[in-house]
Amino acid sequence: MPEEFKIRKATPADREAAYWVCLKTGDHGDDGEALFSEDPDALARIYVGPYLKYEPDLALVLEDNEGVCGYCLGAIDSRQLYDRYEQEWRPELTQDFPEPNGDPSRWTPLEQVYHLYHHPDYYCPEPYELYPSQLHIDLVPRAQGRGLGRRMIDEVASKIAAKGSPGVHLGMSAKNDRAHRFYLKLGFEELARDGSGENQAIYLGKRLNERGGSA
């Protein structure tokens, strides 16, 4: 790994920086700052915050001399994470951020996220017992193409496997061709697709051995 980059366990102090990474990769892998300028933390309240709070042992950040530039997050049991999100995390979101109204086809990206606060789209793979755990990774451009994402996924997957999980899954935007190729190279297989057009999601899974590699 290049000397200027360091992978380490995330701490509560990394929350703001991790939220920033989520924003900078929030437009189907590209910079989402222009889309969410009115509320830069909107996406991260779904895709980062719950993992940092409920699964801190599986949260890694990547940093260089400019600061945090990536993260890899995990959950041992997706259903348990969703239960905690539903009971403990989401009530505050729905209280603080009103549900959008009007024609959904005219909603802004920010309004679409607020809709998800009120109507979550939980995904559990089938058969669930093969892929109960999940991963979520984002790196800003300066950290991409260096093998760092692979290292972070391997480390989190190893921790997940050590806890007895047989497999992991993840979701991604169908528009992000580079990420799709990356996951396939790592041994992930496509499990399902959901939605259509710009909002289509691809779900991929990978069986694990006790070291975290492909089973």
C-alpha atoms as a PDB file:
ATOM      1  CA  MET A   1       0.000   0.000   0.000  1.00  0.00           C
ATOM      2  CA  PRO A   2       1.379   3.451  -0.862  1.00  0.00           C
ATOM      3  CA  GLU A   3       2.970   5.091   2.149  1.00  0.00           C
ATOM      4  CA  GLU A   4       0.807   8.188   1.909  1.00  0.00           C
ATOM      5  CA  PHE A   5      -2.373   6.187   2.542  1.00  0.00           C
ATOM      6  CA  LYS A   6      -3.396   4.553   5.803  1.00  0.00           C
ATOM      7  CA  ILE A   7      -6.273   2.190   6.540  1.00  0.00           C
ATOM      8  CA  ARG A   8      -7.456   2.289  10.128  1.00  0.00           C
ATOM      9  CA  LYS A   9     -10.496   1.658  12.274  1.00  0.00           C
ATOM     10  CA  ALA A  10     -13.029   4.471  12.199  1.00  0.00           C
ATOM     11  CA  THR A  11     -13.654   6.499  15.340  1.00  0.00           C
ATOM     12  CA  PRO A  12     -16.571   8.778  16.279  1.00  0.00           C
ATOM     13  CA  ALA A  13     -14.377  11.721  15.304  1.00  0.00           C
ATOM     14  CA  ASP A  14     -14.403  10.488  11.677  1.00  0.00           C
ATOM     15  CA  ARG A  15     -18.143  10.927  11.272  1.00  0.00           C
ATOM     16  CA  GLU A  16     -18.020  14.327   9.566  1.00  0.00           C
ATOM     17  CA  ALA A  17     -15.272  13.253   7.167  1.00  0.00           C
ATOM     18  CA  ALA A  18     -17.042   9.985   6.312  1.00  0.00           C
ATOM     19  CA  TYR A  19     -20.229  11.916   5.596  1.00  0.00           C
ATOM     20  CA  TRP A  20     -18.195  14.123   3.253  1.00  0.00           C
ATOM     21  CA  VAL A  21     -16.898  11.069   1.364  1.00  0.00           C
ATOM     22  CA  CYS A  22     -20.481   9.884   0.950  1.00  0.00           C
ATOM     23  CA  LEU A  23     -21.419  13.263  -0.512  1.00  0.00           C
ATOM     24  CA  LYS A  24     -18.443  13.352  -2.891  1.00  0.00           C
ATOM     25  CA  THR A  25     -19.412   9.932  -4.279  1.00  0.00           C
ATOM     26  CA  GLY A  26     -23.164  10.455  -3.996  1.00  0.00           C
ATOM     27  CA  ASP A  27     -24.092  10.906  -7.658  1.00  0.00           C
ATOM     28  CA  HIS A  28     -23.900   7.260  -8.767  1.00  0.00           C
ATOM     29  CA  GLY A  29     -20.229   7.231  -7.750  1.00  0.00           C
ATOM     30  CA  ASP A  30     -19.502  10.785  -8.890  1.00  0.00           C
ATOM     31  CA  ASP A  31     -19.483  14.012  -6.886  1.00  0.00           C
ATOM     32  CA  GLY A  32     -22.942  14.645  -5.460  1.00  0.00           C
ATOM     33  CA  GLU A  33     -22.238  18.057  -3.976  1.00  0.00           C
ATOM     34  CA  ALA A  34     -24.262  19.946  -6.587  1.00  0.00           C
ATOM     35  CA  LEU A  35     -27.260  17.651  -6.086  1.00  0.00           C
ATOM     36  CA  PHE A  36     -27.312  17.906  -2.307  1.00  0.00           C
ATOM     37  CA  SER A  37     -25.993  21.401  -1.667  1.00  0.00           C
ATOM     38  CA  GLU A  38     -29.042  22.244   0.463  1.00  0.00           C
ATOM     39  CA  ASP A  39     -28.394  19.270   2.767  1.00  0.00           C
ATOM     40  CA  PRO A  40     -24.929  17.742   2.264  1.00  0.00           C
ATOM     41  CA  ASP A  41     -25.497  15.035   4.915  1.00  0.00           C
ATOM     42  CA  ALA A  42     -28.721  13.702   3.400  1.00  0.00           C
ATOM     43  CA  LEU A  43     -27.335  10.510   1.846  1.00  0.00           C
ATOM     44  CA  ALA A  44     -24.926   9.744   4.665  1.00  0.00           C
ATOM     45  CA  ARG A  45     -27.743   9.642   7.209  1.00  0.00           C
ATOM     46  CA  ILE A  46     -28.822   6.433   5.472  1.00  0.00           C
ATOM     47  CA  TYR A  47     -25.618   4.954   4.096  1.00  0.00           C
ATOM     48  CA  VAL A  48     -22.973   5.882   6.690  1.00  0.00           C
ATOM     49  CA  GLY A  49     -24.374   6.981  10.041  1.00  0.00           C
ATOM     50  CA  PRO A  50     -26.132   3.753  11.059  1.00  0.00           C
ATOM     51  CA  TYR A  51     -23.054   1.643  10.305  1.00  0.00           C
ATOM     52  CA  LEU A  52     -20.764   3.881  12.323  1.00  0.00           C
ATOM     53  CA  LYS A  53     -23.146   3.769  15.274  1.00  0.00           C
ATOM     54  CA  TYR A  54     -24.325   0.164  15.273  1.00  0.00           C
ATOM     55  CA  GLU A  55     -21.356  -1.700  13.718  1.00  0.00           C
ATOM     56  CA  PRO A  56     -18.266   0.308  14.747  1.00  0.00           C
ATOM     57  CA  ASP A  57     -16.021  -2.774  14.829  1.00  0.00           C
ATOM     58  CA  LEU A  58     -16.565  -3.218  11.085  1.00  0.00           C
ATOM     59  CA  ALA A  59     -15.981   0.410  10.113  1.00  0.00           C
ATOM     60  CA  LEU A  60     -12.700   1.370   8.440  1.00  0.00           C
ATOM     61  CA  VAL A  61     -11.548   4.683   7.032  1.00  0.00           C
ATOM     62  CA  LEU A  62      -8.824   5.457   4.524  1.00  0.00           C
ATOM     63  CA  GLU A  63      -6.789   8.609   5.019  1.00  0.00           C
ATOM     64  CA  ASP A  64      -3.877  10.417   3.427  1.00  0.00           C
ATOM     65  CA  ASN A  65      -2.125  13.700   4.134  1.00  0.00           C
ATOM     66  CA  GLU A  66      -5.266  15.569   3.054  1.00  0.00           C
ATOM     67  CA  GLY A  67      -7.540  13.667   5.432  1.00  0.00           C
ATOM     68  CA  VAL A  68     -10.106  10.887   5.224  1.00  0.00           C
ATOM     69  CA  CYS A  69     -10.696   9.899   1.605  1.00  0.00           C
ATOM     70  CA  GLY A  70     -12.665   6.672   1.876  1.00  0.00           C
ATOM     71  CA  TYR A  71     -14.455   4.206   4.093  1.00  0.00           C
ATOM     72  CA  CYS A  72     -15.539   0.584   4.153  1.00  0.00           C
ATOM     73  CA  LEU A  73     -18.456  -0.307   6.397  1.00  0.00           C
ATOM     74  CA  GLY A  74     -20.041  -3.621   7.270  1.00  0.00           C
ATOM     75  CA  ALA A  75     -22.860  -5.316   9.136  1.00  0.00           C
ATOM     76  CA  ILE A  76     -22.883  -8.895  10.383  1.00  0.00           C
ATOM     77  CA  ASP A  77     -26.636  -9.431  10.131  1.00  0.00           C
ATOM     78  CA  SER A  78     -28.482  -7.130   7.754  1.00  0.00           C
ATOM     79  CA  ARG A  79     -31.877  -7.853   9.255  1.00  0.00           C
ATOM     80  CA  GLN A  80     -30.668  -6.906  12.717  1.00  0.00           C
ATOM     81  CA  LEU A  81     -29.179  -3.695  11.344  1.00  0.00           C
ATOM     82  CA  TYR A  82     -32.440  -2.848   9.589  1.00  0.00           C
ATOM     83  CA  ASP A  83     -34.372  -3.524  12.801  1.00  0.00           C
ATOM     84  CA  ARG A  84     -32.206  -1.086  14.746  1.00  0.00           C
ATOM     85  CA  TYR A  85     -32.394   1.447  11.942  1.00  0.00           C
ATOM     86  CA  GLU A  86     -36.181   1.169  11.936  1.00  0.00           C
ATOM     87  CA  GLN A  87     -36.604   1.372  15.698  1.00  0.00           C
ATOM     88  CA  GLU A  88     -33.829   3.737  16.755  1.00  0.00           C
ATOM     89  CA  TRP A  89     -32.512   5.713  13.784  1.00  0.00           C
ATOM     90  CA  ARG A  90     -35.343   6.362  11.352  1.00  0.00           C
ATOM     91  CA  PRO A  91     -37.818   7.972  13.794  1.00  0.00           C
ATOM     92  CA  GLU A  92     -35.520  10.971  14.150  1.00  0.00           C
ATOM     93  CA  LEU A  93     -35.192  11.293  10.379  1.00  0.00           C
ATOM     94  CA  THR A  94     -38.932  11.281   9.813  1.00  0.00           C
ATOM     95  CA  GLN A  95     -39.393  13.823  12.579  1.00  0.00           C
ATOM     96  CA  ASP A  96     -36.747  16.229  11.301  1.00  0.00           C
ATOM     97  CA  PHE A  97     -37.317  15.926   7.545  1.00  0.00           C
ATOM     98  CA  PRO A  98     -40.870  16.110   6.149  1.00  0.00           C
ATOM     99  CA  GLU A  99     -41.946  13.707   3.448  1.00  0.00           C
ATOM    100  CA  PRO A 100     -42.025  15.333  -0.013  1.00  0.00           C
ATOM    101  CA  ASN A 101     -45.335  15.716  -1.780  1.00  0.00           C
ATOM    102  CA  GLY A 102     -46.453  16.321  -5.324  1.00  0.00           C
ATOM    103  CA  ASP A 103     -45.530  14.387  -8.454  1.00  0.00           C
ATOM    104  CA  PRO A 104     -42.654  11.968  -7.650  1.00  0.00           C
ATOM    105  CA  SER A 105     -41.347  12.282 -11.211  1.00  0.00           C
ATOM    106  CA  ARG A 106     -40.590  15.937 -10.450  1.00  0.00           C
ATOM    107  CA  TRP A 107     -38.807  15.369  -7.159  1.00  0.00           C
ATOM    108  CA  THR A 108     -35.243  16.569  -6.829  1.00  0.00           C
ATOM    109  CA  PRO A 109     -32.550  14.068  -5.793  1.00  0.00           C
ATOM    110  CA  LEU A 110     -32.752  15.519  -2.280  1.00  0.00           C
ATOM    111  CA  GLU A 111     -36.515  14.989  -2.153  1.00  0.00           C
ATOM    112  CA  GLN A 112     -36.008  11.407  -3.331  1.00  0.00           C
ATOM    113  CA  VAL A 113     -33.692  10.817  -0.371  1.00  0.00           C
ATOM    114  CA  TYR A 114     -36.194  12.365   2.028  1.00  0.00           C
ATOM    115  CA  HIS A 115     -38.794   9.985   0.593  1.00  0.00           C
ATOM    116  CA  LEU A 116     -36.480   7.096   1.534  1.00  0.00           C
ATOM    117  CA  TYR A 117     -36.388   8.393   5.097  1.00  0.00           C
ATOM    118  CA  HIS A 118     -40.139   7.784   5.250  1.00  0.00           C
ATOM    119  CA  HIS A 119     -40.295   4.718   2.998  1.00  0.00           C
ATOM    120  CA  PRO A 120     -37.057   2.718   3.349  1.00  0.00           C
ATOM    121  CA  ASP A 121     -36.120   0.231   0.667  1.00  0.00           C
ATOM    122  CA  TYR A 122     -34.571  -2.641   2.593  1.00  0.00           C
ATOM    123  CA  TYR A 123     -32.899  -5.395   0.601  1.00  0.00           C
ATOM    124  CA  CYS A 124     -32.259  -8.918   1.860  1.00  0.00           C
ATOM    125  CA  PRO A 125     -30.792 -11.455  -0.570  1.00  0.00           C
ATOM    126  CA  GLU A 126     -32.290 -14.870  -1.201  1.00  0.00           C
ATOM    127  CA  PRO A 127     -31.350 -17.288   0.157  1.00  0.00           C
ATOM    128  CA  TYR A 128     -30.600 -14.984   3.080  1.00  0.00           C
ATOM    129  CA  GLU A 129     -28.620 -17.574   5.034  1.00  0.00           C
ATOM    130  CA  LEU A 130     -25.909 -17.530   2.342  1.00  0.00           C
ATOM    131  CA  TYR A 131     -25.368 -13.748   2.321  1.00  0.00           C
ATOM    132  CA  PRO A 132     -26.589 -12.327   5.660  1.00  0.00           C
ATOM    133  CA  SER A 133     -23.835  -9.744   6.031  1.00  0.00           C
ATOM    134  CA  GLN A 134     -23.277  -6.604   4.003  1.00  0.00           C
ATOM    135  CA  LEU A 135     -20.548  -4.225   2.900  1.00  0.00           C
ATOM    136  CA  HIS A 136     -20.571  -0.602   1.826  1.00  0.00           C
ATOM    137  CA  ILE A 137     -17.488   1.145   0.430  1.00  0.00           C
ATOM    138  CA  ASP A 138     -16.780   4.540  -1.114  1.00  0.00           C
ATOM    139  CA  LEU A 139     -13.481   6.161  -2.107  1.00  0.00           C
ATOM    140  CA  VAL A 140     -13.021   9.661  -3.497  1.00  0.00           C
ATOM    141  CA  PRO A 141     -11.181   9.828  -6.855  1.00  0.00           C
ATOM    142  CA  ARG A 142      -7.705  10.491  -5.462  1.00  0.00           C
ATOM    143  CA  ALA A 143      -7.838   7.149  -3.634  1.00  0.00           C
ATOM    144  CA  GLN A 144      -9.188   5.068  -6.508  1.00  0.00           C
ATOM    145  CA  GLY A 145      -7.226   2.763  -8.797  1.00  0.00           C
ATOM    146  CA  ARG A 146      -4.551   1.980  -6.211  1.00  0.00           C
ATOM    147  CA  GLY A 147      -5.773  -1.356  -4.853  1.00  0.00           C
ATOM    148  CA  LEU A 148      -6.925   0.301  -1.644  1.00  0.00           C
ATOM    149  CA  GLY A 149     -10.582  -0.598  -2.055  1.00  0.00           C
ATOM    150  CA  ARG A 150      -9.676  -4.263  -2.422  1.00  0.00           C
ATOM    151  CA  ARG A 151      -7.570  -4.105   0.745  1.00  0.00           C
ATOM    152  CA  MET A 152     -10.360  -2.490   2.725  1.00  0.00           C
ATOM    153  CA  ILE A 153     -12.973  -4.968   1.521  1.00  0.00           C
ATOM    154  CA  ASP A 154     -10.664  -7.883   2.296  1.00  0.00           C
ATOM    155  CA  GLU A 155     -10.095  -6.588   5.826  1.00  0.00           C
ATOM    156  CA  VAL A 156     -13.769  -6.045   6.613  1.00  0.00           C
ATOM    157  CA  ALA A 157     -14.747  -9.339   4.961  1.00  0.00           C
ATOM    158  CA  SER A 158     -12.148 -11.153   7.072  1.00  0.00           C
ATOM    159  CA  LYS A 159     -13.640  -9.668  10.227  1.00  0.00           C
ATOM    160  CA  ILE A 160     -17.113 -10.683   9.108  1.00  0.00           C
ATOM    161  CA  ALA A 161     -15.992 -14.229   8.296  1.00  0.00           C
ATOM    162  CA  ALA A 162     -14.236 -14.505  11.663  1.00  0.00           C
ATOM    163  CA  LYS A 163     -17.600 -13.850  13.308  1.00  0.00           C
ATOM    164  CA  GLY A 164     -19.047 -16.846  11.488  1.00  0.00           C
ATOM    165  CA  SER A 165     -20.834 -15.285   8.535  1.00  0.00           C
ATOM    166  CA  PRO A 166     -20.878 -17.380   5.347  1.00  0.00           C
ATOM    167  CA  GLY A 167     -21.327 -14.497   2.925  1.00  0.00           C
ATOM    168  CA  VAL A 168     -21.778 -10.808   2.222  1.00  0.00           C
ATOM    169  CA  HIS A 169     -23.824  -8.710  -0.156  1.00  0.00           C
ATOM    170  CA  LEU A 170     -23.807  -5.101  -1.279  1.00  0.00           C
ATOM    171  CA  GLY A 171     -25.848  -2.743  -3.396  1.00  0.00           C
ATOM    172  CA  MET A 172     -24.703  -0.292  -6.044  1.00  0.00           C
ATOM    173  CA  SER A 173     -26.051   1.992  -8.745  1.00  0.00           C
ATOM    174  CA  ALA A 174     -26.438   0.340 -12.126  1.00  0.00           C
ATOM    175  CA  LYS A 175     -24.956   3.506 -13.644  1.00  0.00           C
ATOM    176  CA  ASN A 176     -21.609   2.929 -11.954  1.00  0.00           C
ATOM    177  CA  ASP A 177     -19.960   0.625 -14.493  1.00  0.00           C
ATOM    178  CA  ARG A 178     -16.520   0.996 -12.937  1.00  0.00           C
ATOM    179  CA  ALA A 179     -17.731  -0.184  -9.538  1.00  0.00           C
ATOM    180  CA  HIS A 180     -19.584  -3.092 -11.132  1.00  0.00           C
ATOM    181  CA  ARG A 181     -16.425  -4.305 -12.874  1.00  0.00           C
ATOM    182  CA  PHE A 182     -14.465  -3.851  -9.651  1.00  0.00           C
ATOM    183  CA  TYR A 183     -16.809  -6.048  -7.615  1.00  0.00           C
ATOM    184  CA  LEU A 184     -16.905  -8.762 -10.256  1.00  0.00           C
ATOM    185  CA  LYS A 185     -13.092  -8.879 -10.212  1.00  0.00           C
ATOM    186  CA  LEU A 186     -13.252  -9.385  -6.447  1.00  0.00           C
ATOM    187  CA  GLY A 187     -15.423 -12.463  -6.866  1.00  0.00           C
ATOM    188  CA  PHE A 188     -18.860 -10.961  -6.289  1.00  0.00           C
ATOM    189  CA  GLU A 189     -21.752 -12.372  -8.298  1.00  0.00           C
ATOM    190  CA  GLU A 190     -24.898 -10.551  -9.320  1.00  0.00           C
ATOM    191  CA  LEU A 191     -27.883 -11.550  -7.188  1.00  0.00           C
ATOM    192  CA  ALA A 192     -30.645  -9.202  -8.284  1.00  0.00           C
ATOM    193  CA  ARG A 193     -31.591  -5.918  -9.914  1.00  0.00           C
ATOM    194  CA  ASP A 194     -34.258  -3.564  -8.675  1.00  0.00           C
ATOM    195  CA  GLY A 195     -35.858  -0.488 -10.202  1.00  0.00           C
ATOM    196  CA  SER A 196     -35.284   0.981 -13.625  1.00  0.00           C
ATOM    197  CA  GLY A 197     -33.566   3.822 -15.404  1.00  0.00           C
ATOM    198  CA  GLU A 198     -31.227   6.053 -13.427  1.00  0.00           C
ATOM    199  CA  ASN A 199     -32.458   4.617 -10.135  1.00  0.00           C
ATOM    200  CA  GLN A 200     -31.812   0.960 -10.922  1.00  0.00           C
ATOM    201  CA  ALA A 201     -29.822  -0.838  -8.233  1.00  0.00           C
ATOM    202  CA  ILE A 202     -27.667  -3.940  -8.621  1.00  0.00           C
ATOM    203  CA  TYR A 203     -27.161  -6.291  -5.682  1.00  0.00           C
ATOM    204  CA  LEU A 204     -24.126  -8.557  -5.590  1.00  0.00           C
ATOM    205  CA  GLY A 205     -23.043 -11.287  -3.200  1.00  0.00           C
ATOM    206  CA  LYS A 206     -19.932 -13.213  -2.287  1.00  0.00           C
ATOM    207  CA  ARG A 207     -19.512 -16.402  -0.288  1.00  0.00           C
ATOM    208  CA  LEU A 208     -16.778 -16.276   2.340  1.00  0.00           C
ATOM    209  CA  ASN A 209     -14.383 -18.792   3.776  1.00  0.00           C
ATOM    210  CA  GLU A 210     -13.156 -18.451   7.352  1.00  0.00           C
ATOM    211  CA  ARG A 211     -10.382 -16.093   6.197  1.00  0.00           C
ATOM    212  CA  GLY A 212     -12.785 -13.776   4.426  1.00  0.00           C
ATOM    213  CA  GLY A 213     -11.847 -14.807   0.891  1.00  0.00           C
ATOM    214  CA  SER A 214     -14.075 -16.469  -1.678  1.00  0.00           C
ATOM    215  CA  ALA A 215     -15.499 -19.773  -0.535  1.00  0.00           C
END
